[in-house]
């Protein structure tokens, strides 16, 4: 007849060997849980960083196109122009820049600092 467990016949009267084995398996379980938790945190953080980098790259690409369109809109206000803008030109430029801001969500592509400045300037 086979013993019921691997420690049958190897345990002293106090059951110390079996108790040591149980404690060891508990520590192994804790260690495995800790390793899996750390691995999950590492991979989760890596995914978050990668996602953020991808989003920032997409925004930068869209921002470049939007600012190129904005640059074209500001041609009439070039510093190389010899004369100041007339009231009608300023009004037209204001309307063009407002259209740029709202068309295609370009205003959302502004950095926080630029967006705050733009909103303040629009109120005055």
PDB file of N, CA and C in Angstrom:
ATOM      1  N   UNK A   1       0.840  -1.168   0.000  1.00  0.00           N
ATOM      2  CA  UNK A   1       0.000   0.000   0.000  1.00  0.00           C
ATOM      3  C   UNK A   1       0.896   1.246   0.000  1.00  0.00           C
ATOM      4  N   UNK A   2       0.540   2.249  -0.852  1.00  0.00           N
ATOM      5  CA  UNK A   2       1.296   3.489  -1.000  1.00  0.00           C
ATOM      6  C   UNK A   2       0.913   4.459   0.107  1.00  0.00           C
ATOM      7  N   UNK A   3       1.887   5.258   0.586  1.00  0.00           N
ATOM      8  CA  UNK A   3       1.558   6.273   1.579  1.00  0.00           C
ATOM      9  C   UNK A   3       0.633   7.335   0.965  1.00  0.00           C
ATOM     10  N   UNK A   4      -0.155   8.012   1.784  1.00  0.00           N
ATOM     11  CA  UNK A   4      -1.123   9.004   1.341  1.00  0.00           C
ATOM     12  C   UNK A   4      -0.451  10.292   0.870  1.00  0.00           C
ATOM     13  N   UNK A   5       0.686  10.650   1.449  1.00  0.00           N
ATOM     14  CA  UNK A   5       1.398  11.819   0.969  1.00  0.00           C
ATOM     15  C   UNK A   5       2.891  11.527   0.937  1.00  0.00           C
ATOM     16  N   UNK A   6       3.627  12.404   0.318  1.00  0.00           N
ATOM     17  CA  UNK A   6       5.060  12.182   0.117  1.00  0.00           C
ATOM     18  C   UNK A   6       5.844  12.217   1.414  1.00  0.00           C
ATOM     19  N   UNK A   7       5.253  12.763   2.474  1.00  0.00           N
ATOM     20  CA  UNK A   7       5.957  12.890   3.738  1.00  0.00           C
ATOM     21  C   UNK A   7       5.597  11.814   4.743  1.00  0.00           C
ATOM     22  N   UNK A   8       4.735  10.897   4.352  1.00  0.00           N
ATOM     23  CA  UNK A   8       4.361   9.837   5.285  1.00  0.00           C
ATOM     24  C   UNK A   8       5.612   9.040   5.643  1.00  0.00           C
ATOM     25  N   UNK A   9       5.805   8.808   6.867  1.00  0.00           N
ATOM     26  CA  UNK A   9       6.978   8.072   7.338  1.00  0.00           C
ATOM     27  C   UNK A   9       8.200   8.948   7.496  1.00  0.00           C
ATOM     28  N   UNK A  10       8.187  10.187   7.041  1.00  0.00           N
ATOM     29  CA  UNK A  10       9.332  11.079   7.139  1.00  0.00           C
ATOM     30  C   UNK A  10       9.069  12.216   8.119  1.00  0.00           C
ATOM     31  N   UNK A  11       7.988  12.208   8.744  1.00  0.00           N
ATOM     32  CA  UNK A  11       7.604  13.278   9.648  1.00  0.00           C
ATOM     33  C   UNK A  11       7.823  12.797  11.072  1.00  0.00           C
ATOM     34  N   UNK A  12       8.459  13.663  11.877  1.00  0.00           N
ATOM     35  CA  UNK A  12       8.628  13.288  13.276  1.00  0.00           C
ATOM     36  C   UNK A  12       7.288  13.411  13.993  1.00  0.00           C
ATOM     37  N   UNK A  13       7.271  13.086  15.222  1.00  0.00           N
ATOM     38  CA  UNK A  13       6.011  13.038  15.959  1.00  0.00           C
ATOM     39  C   UNK A  13       5.336  14.403  16.057  1.00  0.00           C
ATOM     40  N   UNK A  14       6.111  15.474  15.954  1.00  0.00           N
ATOM     41  CA  UNK A  14       5.508  16.807  16.054  1.00  0.00           C
ATOM     42  C   UNK A  14       4.954  17.282  14.711  1.00  0.00           C
ATOM     43  N   UNK A  15       5.234  16.589  13.591  1.00  0.00           N
ATOM     44  CA  UNK A  15       4.766  16.999  12.275  1.00  0.00           C
ATOM     45  C   UNK A  15       5.546  18.178  11.719  1.00  0.00           C
ATOM     46  N   UNK A  16       6.748  18.391  12.206  1.00  0.00           N
ATOM     47  CA  UNK A  16       7.549  19.556  11.856  1.00  0.00           C
ATOM     48  C   UNK A  16       7.895  19.607  10.372  1.00  0.00           C
ATOM     49  N   UNK A  17       8.254  18.497   9.753  1.00  0.00           N
ATOM     50  CA  UNK A  17       8.637  18.486   8.341  1.00  0.00           C
ATOM     51  C   UNK A  17       7.460  18.926   7.465  1.00  0.00           C
ATOM     52  N   UNK A  18       6.290  18.454   7.740  1.00  0.00           N
ATOM     53  CA  UNK A  18       5.098  18.836   6.987  1.00  0.00           C
ATOM     54  C   UNK A  18       4.791  20.319   7.181  1.00  0.00           C
ATOM     55  N   UNK A  19       4.950  20.813   8.383  1.00  0.00           N
ATOM     56  CA  UNK A  19       4.706  22.220   8.666  1.00  0.00           C
ATOM     57  C   UNK A  19       5.703  23.102   7.903  1.00  0.00           C
ATOM     58  N   UNK A  20       6.981  22.693   7.857  1.00  0.00           N
ATOM     59  CA  UNK A  20       7.983  23.432   7.096  1.00  0.00           C
ATOM     60  C   UNK A  20       7.635  23.473   5.609  1.00  0.00           C
ATOM     61  N   UNK A  21       7.151  22.353   5.097  1.00  0.00           N
ATOM     62  CA  UNK A  21       6.769  22.289   3.692  1.00  0.00           C
ATOM     63  C   UNK A  21       5.608  23.246   3.395  1.00  0.00           C
ATOM     64  N   UNK A  22       4.628  23.291   4.250  1.00  0.00           N
ATOM     65  CA  UNK A  22       3.481  24.176   4.070  1.00  0.00           C
ATOM     66  C   UNK A  22       3.939  25.636   4.109  1.00  0.00           C
ATOM     67  N   UNK A  23       4.811  25.974   5.054  1.00  0.00           N
ATOM     68  CA  UNK A  23       5.319  27.345   5.137  1.00  0.00           C
ATOM     69  C   UNK A  23       6.108  27.715   3.876  1.00  0.00           C
ATOM     70  N   UNK A  24       6.894  26.751   3.368  1.00  0.00           N
ATOM     71  CA  UNK A  24       7.689  27.009   2.174  1.00  0.00           C
ATOM     72  C   UNK A  24       6.770  27.247   0.967  1.00  0.00           C
ATOM     73  N   UNK A  25       5.722  26.474   0.818  1.00  0.00           N
ATOM     74  CA  UNK A  25       4.820  26.675  -0.314  1.00  0.00           C
ATOM     75  C   UNK A  25       4.081  28.005  -0.195  1.00  0.00           C
ATOM     76  N   UNK A  26       3.800  28.446   1.029  1.00  0.00           N
ATOM     77  CA  UNK A  26       3.166  29.757   1.196  1.00  0.00           C
ATOM     78  C   UNK A  26       4.121  30.869   0.743  1.00  0.00           C
ATOM     79  N   UNK A  27       5.381  30.766   1.099  1.00  0.00           N
ATOM     80  CA  UNK A  27       6.356  31.763   0.687  1.00  0.00           C
ATOM     81  C   UNK A  27       6.567  31.751  -0.827  1.00  0.00           C
ATOM     82  N   UNK A  28       6.558  30.573  -1.412  1.00  0.00           N
ATOM     83  CA  UNK A  28       6.680  30.476  -2.874  1.00  0.00           C
ATOM     84  C   UNK A  28       5.475  31.155  -3.529  1.00  0.00           C
ATOM     85  N   UNK A  29       4.290  30.938  -2.993  1.00  0.00           N
ATOM     86  CA  UNK A  29       3.087  31.591  -3.518  1.00  0.00           C
ATOM     87  C   UNK A  29       3.172  33.101  -3.415  1.00  0.00           C
ATOM     88  N   UNK A  30       3.677  33.589  -2.302  1.00  0.00           N
ATOM     89  CA  UNK A  30       3.841  35.035  -2.123  1.00  0.00           C
ATOM     90  C   UNK A  30       4.850  35.575  -3.127  1.00  0.00           C
ATOM     91  N   UNK A  31       5.962  34.867  -3.310  1.00  0.00           N
ATOM     92  CA  UNK A  31       6.996  35.312  -4.255  1.00  0.00           C
ATOM     93  C   UNK A  31       6.468  35.331  -5.686  1.00  0.00           C
ATOM     94  N   UNK A  32       5.734  34.290  -6.072  1.00  0.00           N
ATOM     95  CA  UNK A  32       5.172  34.235  -7.425  1.00  0.00           C
ATOM     96  C   UNK A  32       4.173  35.380  -7.623  1.00  0.00           C
ATOM     97  N   UNK A  33       3.340  35.624  -6.629  1.00  0.00           N
ATOM     98  CA  UNK A  33       2.385  36.731  -6.708  1.00  0.00           C
ATOM     99  C   UNK A  33       3.106  38.063  -6.855  1.00  0.00           C
ATOM    100  N   UNK A  34       4.172  38.256  -6.089  1.00  0.00           N
ATOM    101  CA  UNK A  34       4.937  39.497  -6.177  1.00  0.00           C
ATOM    102  C   UNK A  34       5.570  39.664  -7.552  1.00  0.00           C
ATOM    103  N   UNK A  35       6.160  38.601  -8.077  1.00  0.00           N
ATOM    104  CA  UNK A  35       6.792  38.663  -9.402  1.00  0.00           C
ATOM    105  C   UNK A  35       5.747  38.974 -10.478  1.00  0.00           C
ATOM    106  N   UNK A  36       4.597  38.311 -10.425  1.00  0.00           N
ATOM    107  CA  UNK A  36       3.547  38.569 -11.414  1.00  0.00           C
ATOM    108  C   UNK A  36       2.994  39.985 -11.294  1.00  0.00           C
ATOM    109  N   UNK A  37       2.872  40.481 -10.072  1.00  0.00           N
ATOM    110  CA  UNK A  37       2.405  41.856  -9.873  1.00  0.00           C
ATOM    111  C   UNK A  37       3.391  42.853 -10.463  1.00  0.00           C
ATOM    112  N   UNK A  38       4.677  42.661 -10.184  1.00  0.00           N
ATOM    113  CA  UNK A  38       5.701  43.554 -10.738  1.00  0.00           C
ATOM    114  C   UNK A  38       5.739  43.484 -12.261  1.00  0.00           C
ATOM    115  N   UNK A  39       5.614  42.284 -12.815  1.00  0.00           N
ATOM    116  CA  UNK A  39       5.601  42.145 -14.278  1.00  0.00           C
ATOM    117  C   UNK A  39       4.386  42.860 -14.865  1.00  0.00           C
ATOM    118  N   UNK A  40       3.230  42.712 -14.234  1.00  0.00           N
ATOM    119  CA  UNK A  40       2.021  43.397 -14.702  1.00  0.00           C
ATOM    120  C   UNK A  40       2.173  44.906 -14.650  1.00  0.00           C
ATOM    121  N   UNK A  41       2.756  45.411 -13.570  1.00  0.00           N
ATOM    122  CA  UNK A  41       2.984  46.854 -13.447  1.00  0.00           C
ATOM    123  C   UNK A  41       3.961  47.352 -14.512  1.00  0.00           C
ATOM    124  N   UNK A  42       5.009  46.584 -14.745  1.00  0.00           N
ATOM    125  CA  UNK A  42       6.003  46.971 -15.740  1.00  0.00           C
ATOM    126  C   UNK A  42       5.377  47.030 -17.131  1.00  0.00           C
ATOM    127  N   UNK A  43       4.670  45.967 -17.524  1.00  0.00           N
ATOM    128  CA  UNK A  43       4.078  45.937 -18.854  1.00  0.00           C
ATOM    129  C   UNK A  43       2.946  46.949 -18.987  1.00  0.00           C
ATOM    130  N   UNK A  44       2.177  47.172 -17.938  1.00  0.00           N
ATOM    131  CA  UNK A  44       1.129  48.190 -17.970  1.00  0.00           C
ATOM    132  C   UNK A  44       1.714  49.572 -18.152  1.00  0.00           C
ATOM    133  N   UNK A  45       2.785  49.870 -17.438  1.00  0.00           N
ATOM    134  CA  UNK A  45       3.442  51.168 -17.563  1.00  0.00           C
ATOM    135  C   UNK A  45       4.065  51.323 -18.947  1.00  0.00           C
ATOM    136  N   UNK A  46       4.667  50.263 -19.458  1.00  0.00           N
ATOM    137  CA  UNK A  46       5.259  50.317 -20.801  1.00  0.00           C
ATOM    138  C   UNK A  46       4.190  50.600 -21.847  1.00  0.00           C
ATOM    139  N   UNK A  47       3.025  49.964 -21.711  1.00  0.00           N
ATOM    140  CA  UNK A  47       1.929  50.185 -22.651  1.00  0.00           C
ATOM    141  C   UNK A  47       1.421  51.623 -22.552  1.00  0.00           C
ATOM    142  N   UNK A  48       1.324  52.138 -21.337  1.00  0.00           N
ATOM    143  CA  UNK A  48       0.872  53.517 -21.137  1.00  0.00           C
ATOM    144  C   UNK A  48       1.832  54.505 -21.795  1.00  0.00           C
ATOM    145  N   UNK A  49       3.122  54.283 -21.615  1.00  0.00           N
ATOM    146  CA  UNK A  49       4.127  55.171 -22.206  1.00  0.00           C
ATOM    147  C   UNK A  49       4.081  55.084 -23.728  1.00  0.00           C
ATOM    148  N   UNK A  50       3.961  53.870 -24.258  1.00  0.00           N
ATOM    149  CA  UNK A  50       3.900  53.693 -25.715  1.00  0.00           C
ATOM    150  C   UNK A  50       2.658  54.369 -26.285  1.00  0.00           C
ATOM    151  N   UNK A  51       1.527  54.202 -25.623  1.00  0.00           N
ATOM    152  CA  UNK A  51       0.286  54.817 -26.085  1.00  0.00           C
ATOM    153  C   UNK A  51       0.405  56.332 -26.061  1.00  0.00           C
ATOM    154  N   UNK A  52       0.954  56.857 -24.981  1.00  0.00           N
ATOM    155  CA  UNK A  52       1.121  58.309 -24.868  1.00  0.00           C
ATOM    156  C   UNK A  52       2.049  58.831 -25.962  1.00  0.00           C
ATOM    157  N   UNK A  53       3.127  58.129 -26.235  1.00  0.00           N
ATOM    158  CA  UNK A  53       4.066  58.517 -27.284  1.00  0.00           C
ATOM    159  C   UNK A  53       3.390  58.505 -28.649  1.00  0.00           C
ATOM    160  N   UNK A  54       2.581  57.470 -28.906  1.00  0.00           N
ATOM    161  CA  UNK A  54       1.859  57.388 -30.181  1.00  0.00           C
ATOM    162  C   UNK A  54       0.868  58.537 -30.326  1.00  0.00           C
ATOM    163  N   UNK A  55       0.150  58.850 -29.262  1.00  0.00           N
ATOM    164  CA  UNK A  55      -0.813  59.955 -29.302  1.00  0.00           C
ATOM    165  C   UNK A  55      -0.089  61.271 -29.547  1.00  0.00           C
ATOM    166  N   UNK A  56       1.011  61.494 -28.843  1.00  0.00           N
ATOM    167  CA  UNK A  56       1.777  62.733 -29.022  1.00  0.00           C
ATOM    168  C   UNK A  56       2.317  62.850 -30.442  1.00  0.00           C
ATOM    169  N   UNK A  57       2.746  61.733 -31.023  1.00  0.00           N
ATOM    170  CA  UNK A  57       3.248  61.760 -32.403  1.00  0.00           C
ATOM    171  C   UNK A  57       2.121  62.109 -33.371  1.00  0.00           C
ATOM    172  N   UNK A  58       0.938  61.538 -33.156  1.00  0.00           N
ATOM    173  CA  UNK A  58      -0.206  61.846 -34.021  1.00  0.00           C
ATOM    174  C   UNK A  58      -0.611  63.307 -33.894  1.00  0.00           C
ATOM    175  N   UNK A  59      -0.622  63.829 -32.675  1.00  0.00           N
ATOM    176  CA  UNK A  59      -0.984  65.232 -32.458  1.00  0.00           C
ATOM    177  C   UNK A  59       0.053  66.137 -33.121  1.00  0.00           C
ATOM    178  N   UNK A  60       1.324  65.799 -32.991  1.00  0.00           N
ATOM    179  CA  UNK A  60       2.383  66.619 -33.599  1.00  0.00           C
ATOM    180  C   UNK A  60       2.228  66.658 -35.119  1.00  0.00           C
ATOM    181  N   UNK A  61       1.878  65.530 -35.697  1.00  0.00           N
ATOM    182  CA  UNK A  61       1.682  65.478 -37.152  1.00  0.00           C
ATOM    183  C   UNK A  61       0.505  66.364 -37.576  1.00  0.00           C
ATOM    184  N   UNK A  62      -0.602  66.263 -36.850  1.00  0.00           N
ATOM    185  CA  UNK A  62      -1.773  67.084 -37.153  1.00  0.00           C
ATOM    186  C   UNK A  62      -1.485  68.558 -36.874  1.00  0.00           C
ATOM    187  N   UNK A  63      -0.739  68.822 -35.802  1.00  0.00           N
ATOM    188  CA  UNK A  63      -0.406  70.197 -35.438  1.00  0.00           C
ATOM    189  C   UNK A  63       0.428  70.850 -36.543  1.00  0.00           C
ATOM    190  N   UNK A  64       1.337  70.102 -37.113  1.00  0.00           N
ATOM    191  CA  UNK A  64       2.183  70.641 -38.186  1.00  0.00           C
ATOM    192  C   UNK A  64       1.328  71.084 -39.364  1.00  0.00           C
ATOM    193  N   UNK A  65       0.374  70.255 -39.777  1.00  0.00           N
ATOM    194  CA  UNK A  65      -0.511  70.601 -40.896  1.00  0.00           C
ATOM    195  C   UNK A  65      -1.377  71.812 -40.543  1.00  0.00           C
ATOM    196  N   UNK A  66      -1.884  71.852 -39.319  1.00  0.00           N
ATOM    197  CA  UNK A  66      -2.752  72.958 -38.903  1.00  0.00           C
ATOM    198  C   UNK A  66      -1.968  74.268 -38.853  1.00  0.00           C
ATOM    199  N   UNK A  67      -0.756  74.211 -38.333  1.00  0.00           N
ATOM    200  CA  UNK A  67       0.042  75.433 -38.255  1.00  0.00           C
ATOM    201  C   UNK A  67       0.500  75.900 -39.637  1.00  0.00           C
ATOM    202  N   UNK A  68       0.677  74.974 -40.555  1.00  0.00           N
ATOM    203  CA  UNK A  68       1.013  75.375 -41.928  1.00  0.00           C
ATOM    204  C   UNK A  68      -0.139  76.180 -42.528  1.00  0.00           C
ATOM    205  N   UNK A  69      -1.378  75.729 -42.277  1.00  0.00           N
ATOM    206  CA  UNK A  69      -2.552  76.475 -42.753  1.00  0.00           C
ATOM    207  C   UNK A  69      -2.645  77.832 -42.048  1.00  0.00           C
ATOM    208  N   UNK A  70      -2.333  77.869 -40.757  1.00  0.00           N
ATOM    209  CA  UNK A  70      -2.355  79.126 -40.011  1.00  0.00           C
ATOM    210  C   UNK A  70      -1.317  80.101 -40.560  1.00  0.00           C
ATOM    211  N   UNK A  71      -0.152  79.581 -40.860  1.00  0.00           N
ATOM    212  CA  UNK A  71       0.923  80.415 -41.402  1.00  0.00           C
ATOM    213  C   UNK A  71       0.466  81.097 -42.692  1.00  0.00           C
ATOM    214  N   UNK A  72      -0.210  80.342 -43.541  1.00  0.00           N
ATOM    215  CA  UNK A  72      -0.714  80.904 -44.798  1.00  0.00           C
ATOM    216  C   UNK A  72      -1.742  82.008 -44.529  1.00  0.00           C
ATOM    217  N   UNK A  73      -2.554  81.836 -43.480  1.00  0.00           N
ATOM    218  CA  UNK A  73      -3.577  82.835 -43.143  1.00  0.00           C
ATOM    219  C   UNK A  73      -2.958  84.162 -42.693  1.00  0.00           C
ATOM    220  N   UNK A  74      -1.774  84.117 -42.119  1.00  0.00           N
ATOM    221  CA  UNK A  74      -1.165  85.333 -41.556  1.00  0.00           C
ATOM    222  C   UNK A  74      -0.291  86.098 -42.553  1.00  0.00           C
ATOM    223  N   UNK A  75      -0.344  85.720 -43.797  1.00  0.00           N
ATOM    224  CA  UNK A  75       0.496  86.363 -44.816  1.00  0.00           C
ATOM    225  C   UNK A  75       0.272  87.879 -44.866  1.00  0.00           C
ATOM    226  N   UNK A  76      -0.977  88.306 -44.732  1.00  0.00           N
ATOM    227  CA  UNK A  76      -1.260  89.741 -44.825  1.00  0.00           C
ATOM    228  C   UNK A  76      -0.658  90.533 -43.663  1.00  0.00           C
ATOM    229  N   UNK A  77      -0.358  89.874 -42.560  1.00  0.00           N
ATOM    230  CA  UNK A  77       0.201  90.564 -41.389  1.00  0.00           C
ATOM    231  C   UNK A  77       1.707  90.369 -41.283  1.00  0.00           C
ATOM    232  N   UNK A  78       2.352  90.078 -42.380  1.00  0.00           N
ATOM    233  CA  UNK A  78       3.793  89.835 -42.385  1.00  0.00           C
ATOM    234  C   UNK A  78       4.560  91.042 -41.851  1.00  0.00           C
ATOM    235  N   UNK A  79       5.574  90.813 -41.019  1.00  0.00           N
ATOM    236  CA  UNK A  79       6.390  91.920 -40.525  1.00  0.00           C
ATOM    237  C   UNK A  79       7.185  92.601 -41.656  1.00  0.00           C
ATOM    238  N   UNK A  80       7.322  91.918 -42.769  1.00  0.00           N
ATOM    239  CA  UNK A  80       8.062  92.496 -43.894  1.00  0.00           C
ATOM    240  C   UNK A  80       7.188  93.449 -44.712  1.00  0.00           C
ATOM    241  N   UNK A  81       5.939  93.516 -44.387  1.00  0.00           N
ATOM    242  CA  UNK A  81       5.019  94.424 -45.072  1.00  0.00           C
ATOM    243  C   UNK A  81       5.402  95.860 -44.710  1.00  0.00           C
ATOM    244  N   UNK A  82       5.374  96.723 -45.652  1.00  0.00           N
ATOM    245  CA  UNK A  82       5.836  98.085 -45.427  1.00  0.00           C
ATOM    246  C   UNK A  82       4.851  98.989 -44.714  1.00  0.00           C
ATOM    247  N   UNK A  83       3.579  98.633 -44.739  1.00  0.00           N
ATOM    248  CA  UNK A  83       2.559  99.510 -44.146  1.00  0.00           C
ATOM    249  C   UNK A  83       1.734  98.732 -43.134  1.00  0.00           C
ATOM    250  N   UNK A  84       1.175  99.415 -42.145  1.00  0.00           N
ATOM    251  CA  UNK A  84       0.336  98.720 -41.157  1.00  0.00           C
ATOM    252  C   UNK A  84      -0.957  98.208 -41.799  1.00  0.00           C
ATOM    253  N   UNK A  85      -1.554  97.244 -41.127  1.00  0.00           N
ATOM    254  CA  UNK A  85      -2.842  96.720 -41.598  1.00  0.00           C
ATOM    255  C   UNK A  85      -3.931  97.777 -41.449  1.00  0.00           C
ATOM    256  N   UNK A  86      -4.812  97.797 -42.395  1.00  0.00           N
ATOM    257  CA  UNK A  86      -5.974  98.682 -42.275  1.00  0.00           C
ATOM    258  C   UNK A  86      -6.988  98.026 -41.343  1.00  0.00           C
ATOM    259  N   UNK A  87      -7.964  98.814 -40.934  1.00  0.00           N
ATOM    260  CA  UNK A  87      -9.011  98.262 -40.065  1.00  0.00           C
ATOM    261  C   UNK A  87      -9.726  97.098 -40.761  1.00  0.00           C
ATOM    262  N   UNK A  88      -9.993  97.221 -42.040  1.00  0.00           N
ATOM    263  CA  UNK A  88     -10.677  96.156 -42.795  1.00  0.00           C
ATOM    264  C   UNK A  88      -9.800  94.905 -42.867  1.00  0.00           C
ATOM    265  N   UNK A  89      -8.492  95.086 -43.079  1.00  0.00           N
ATOM    266  CA  UNK A  89      -7.582  93.930 -43.136  1.00  0.00           C
ATOM    267  C   UNK A  89      -7.490  93.238 -41.775  1.00  0.00           C
ATOM    268  N   UNK A  90      -7.433  94.044 -40.714  1.00  0.00           N
ATOM    269  CA  UNK A  90      -7.401  93.451 -39.364  1.00  0.00           C
ATOM    270  C   UNK A  90      -8.670  92.659 -39.099  1.00  0.00           C
ATOM    271  N   UNK A  91      -9.804  93.203 -39.487  1.00  0.00           N
ATOM    272  CA  UNK A  91     -11.081  92.524 -39.291  1.00  0.00           C
ATOM    273  C   UNK A  91     -11.125  91.224 -40.101  1.00  0.00           C
ATOM    274  N   UNK A  92     -10.653  91.299 -41.345  1.00  0.00           N
ATOM    275  CA  UNK A  92     -10.629  90.097 -42.189  1.00  0.00           C
ATOM    276  C   UNK A  92      -9.673  89.052 -41.604  1.00  0.00           C
ATOM    277  N   UNK A  93      -8.513  89.473 -41.131  1.00  0.00           N
ATOM    278  CA  UNK A  93      -7.550  88.553 -40.530  1.00  0.00           C
ATOM    279  C   UNK A  93      -8.136  87.910 -39.278  1.00  0.00           C
ATOM    280  N   UNK A  94      -8.791  88.707 -38.469  1.00  0.00           N
ATOM    281  CA  UNK A  94      -9.444  88.184 -37.263  1.00  0.00           C
ATOM    282  C   UNK A  94     -10.457  87.099 -37.644  1.00  0.00           C
ATOM    283  N   UNK A  95     -11.261  87.361 -38.661  1.00  0.00           N
ATOM    284  CA  UNK A  95     -12.252  86.370 -39.115  1.00  0.00           C
ATOM    285  C   UNK A  95     -11.573  85.119 -39.652  1.00  0.00           C
ATOM    286  N   UNK A  96     -10.494  85.274 -40.397  1.00  0.00           N
ATOM    287  CA  UNK A  96      -9.765  84.126 -40.945  1.00  0.00           C
ATOM    288  C   UNK A  96      -9.160  83.277 -39.824  1.00  0.00           C
ATOM    289  N   UNK A  97      -8.574  83.942 -38.839  1.00  0.00           N
ATOM    290  CA  UNK A  97      -7.968  83.207 -37.728  1.00  0.00           C
ATOM    291  C   UNK A  97      -9.030  82.520 -36.882  1.00  0.00           C
ATOM    292  N   UNK A  98     -10.178  83.160 -36.725  1.00  0.00           N
ATOM    293  CA  UNK A  98     -11.286  82.531 -35.996  1.00  0.00           C
ATOM    294  C   UNK A  98     -11.766  81.295 -36.745  1.00  0.00           C
ATOM    295  N   UNK A  99     -11.897  81.424 -38.065  1.00  0.00           N
ATOM    296  CA  UNK A  99     -12.291  80.256 -38.873  1.00  0.00           C
ATOM    297  C   UNK A  99     -11.264  79.142 -38.725  1.00  0.00           C
ATOM    298  N   UNK A 100      -9.965  79.485 -38.801  1.00  0.00           N
ATOM    299  CA  UNK A 100      -8.918  78.474 -38.648  1.00  0.00           C
ATOM    300  C   UNK A 100      -9.043  77.778 -37.302  1.00  0.00           C
ATOM    301  N   UNK A 101      -9.270  78.539 -36.257  1.00  0.00           N
ATOM    302  CA  UNK A 101      -9.350  78.004 -34.896  1.00  0.00           C
ATOM    303  C   UNK A 101     -10.443  76.946 -34.784  1.00  0.00           C
ATOM    304  N   UNK A 102     -11.597  77.208 -35.393  1.00  0.00           N
ATOM    305  CA  UNK A 102     -12.729  76.298 -35.242  1.00  0.00           C
ATOM    306  C   UNK A 102     -12.823  75.241 -36.335  1.00  0.00           C
ATOM    307  N   UNK A 103     -12.308  75.508 -37.522  1.00  0.00           N
ATOM    308  CA  UNK A 103     -12.397  74.532 -38.613  1.00  0.00           C
ATOM    309  C   UNK A 103     -11.482  73.340 -38.344  1.00  0.00           C
ATOM    310  N   UNK A 104     -12.031  72.170 -38.474  1.00  0.00           N
ATOM    311  CA  UNK A 104     -11.231  70.953 -38.335  1.00  0.00           C
ATOM    312  C   UNK A 104     -10.667  70.720 -36.950  1.00  0.00           C
ATOM    313  N   UNK A 105     -11.152  71.434 -35.960  1.00  0.00           N
ATOM    314  CA  UNK A 105     -10.656  71.251 -34.593  1.00  0.00           C
ATOM    315  C   UNK A 105      -9.241  71.761 -34.383  1.00  0.00           C
ATOM    316  N   UNK A 106      -8.802  72.706 -35.212  1.00  0.00           N
ATOM    317  CA  UNK A 106      -7.424  73.209 -35.093  1.00  0.00           C
ATOM    318  C   UNK A 106      -7.143  73.810 -33.721  1.00  0.00           C
ATOM    319  N   UNK A 107      -8.143  74.449 -33.129  1.00  0.00           N
ATOM    320  CA  UNK A 107      -7.951  75.047 -31.811  1.00  0.00           C
ATOM    321  C   UNK A 107      -7.591  74.024 -30.753  1.00  0.00           C
ATOM    322  N   UNK A 108      -8.063  72.785 -30.937  1.00  0.00           N
ATOM    323  CA  UNK A 108      -7.742  71.724 -29.968  1.00  0.00           C
ATOM    324  C   UNK A 108      -6.282  71.305 -30.062  1.00  0.00           C
ATOM    325  N   UNK A 109      -5.632  71.621 -31.169  1.00  0.00           N
ATOM    326  CA  UNK A 109      -4.242  71.225 -31.360  1.00  0.00           C
ATOM    327  C   UNK A 109      -3.254  72.220 -30.761  1.00  0.00           C
ATOM    328  N   UNK A 110      -3.764  73.357 -30.314  1.00  0.00           N
ATOM    329  CA  UNK A 110      -2.881  74.335 -29.682  1.00  0.00           C
ATOM    330  C   UNK A 110      -2.350  73.782 -28.366  1.00  0.00           C
ATOM    331  N   UNK A 111      -1.134  74.159 -28.033  1.00  0.00           N
ATOM    332  CA  UNK A 111      -0.621  73.785 -26.719  1.00  0.00           C
ATOM    333  C   UNK A 111      -1.457  74.504 -25.666  1.00  0.00           C
ATOM    334  N   UNK A 112      -1.397  74.063 -24.442  1.00  0.00           N
ATOM    335  CA  UNK A 112      -2.196  74.676 -23.382  1.00  0.00           C
ATOM    336  C   UNK A 112      -1.855  76.156 -23.231  1.00  0.00           C
ATOM    337  N   UNK A 113      -0.576  76.469 -23.271  1.00  0.00           N
ATOM    338  CA  UNK A 113      -0.140  77.859 -23.117  1.00  0.00           C
ATOM    339  C   UNK A 113      -0.661  78.729 -24.256  1.00  0.00           C
ATOM    340  N   UNK A 114      -0.542  78.250 -25.488  1.00  0.00           N
ATOM    341  CA  UNK A 114      -1.000  79.016 -26.645  1.00  0.00           C
ATOM    342  C   UNK A 114      -2.517  79.153 -26.641  1.00  0.00           C
ATOM    343  N   UNK A 115      -3.215  78.080 -26.275  1.00  0.00           N
ATOM    344  CA  UNK A 115      -4.672  78.135 -26.206  1.00  0.00           C
ATOM    345  C   UNK A 115      -5.156  79.154 -25.191  1.00  0.00           C
ATOM    346  N   UNK A 116      -4.515  79.188 -24.040  1.00  0.00           N
ATOM    347  CA  UNK A 116      -4.880  80.163 -23.006  1.00  0.00           C
ATOM    348  C   UNK A 116      -4.624  81.588 -23.501  1.00  0.00           C
ATOM    349  N   UNK A 117      -3.481  81.811 -24.124  1.00  0.00           N
ATOM    350  CA  UNK A 117      -3.145  83.125 -24.661  1.00  0.00           C
ATOM    351  C   UNK A 117      -4.165  83.540 -25.726  1.00  0.00           C
ATOM    352  N   UNK A 118      -4.493  82.614 -26.615  1.00  0.00           N
ATOM    353  CA  UNK A 118      -5.437  82.909 -27.697  1.00  0.00           C
ATOM    354  C   UNK A 118      -6.807  83.275 -27.139  1.00  0.00           C
ATOM    355  N   UNK A 119      -7.282  82.517 -26.170  1.00  0.00           N
ATOM    356  CA  UNK A 119      -8.594  82.818 -25.575  1.00  0.00           C
ATOM    357  C   UNK A 119      -8.585  84.172 -24.888  1.00  0.00           C
ATOM    358  N   UNK A 120      -7.503  84.507 -24.201  1.00  0.00           N
ATOM    359  CA  UNK A 120      -7.402  85.813 -23.559  1.00  0.00           C
ATOM    360  C   UNK A 120      -7.411  86.934 -24.579  1.00  0.00           C
ATOM    361  N   UNK A 121      -6.699  86.756 -25.674  1.00  0.00           N
ATOM    362  CA  UNK A 121      -6.620  87.771 -26.710  1.00  0.00           C
ATOM    363  C   UNK A 121      -7.969  87.952 -27.392  1.00  0.00           C
ATOM    364  N   UNK A 122      -8.733  86.886 -27.527  1.00  0.00           N
ATOM    365  CA  UNK A 122     -10.023  86.968 -28.206  1.00  0.00           C
ATOM    366  C   UNK A 122     -11.029  87.745 -27.359  1.00  0.00           C
ATOM    367  N   UNK A 123     -10.864  87.735 -26.057  1.00  0.00           N
ATOM    368  CA  UNK A 123     -11.796  88.457 -25.169  1.00  0.00           C
ATOM    369  C   UNK A 123     -11.548  89.957 -25.196  1.00  0.00           C
ATOM    370  N   UNK A 124     -10.354  90.383 -25.583  1.00  0.00           N
ATOM    371  CA  UNK A 124     -10.050  91.823 -25.562  1.00  0.00           C
ATOM    372  C   UNK A 124     -10.363  92.478 -26.886  1.00  0.00           C
TER     373      UNK A 124
END
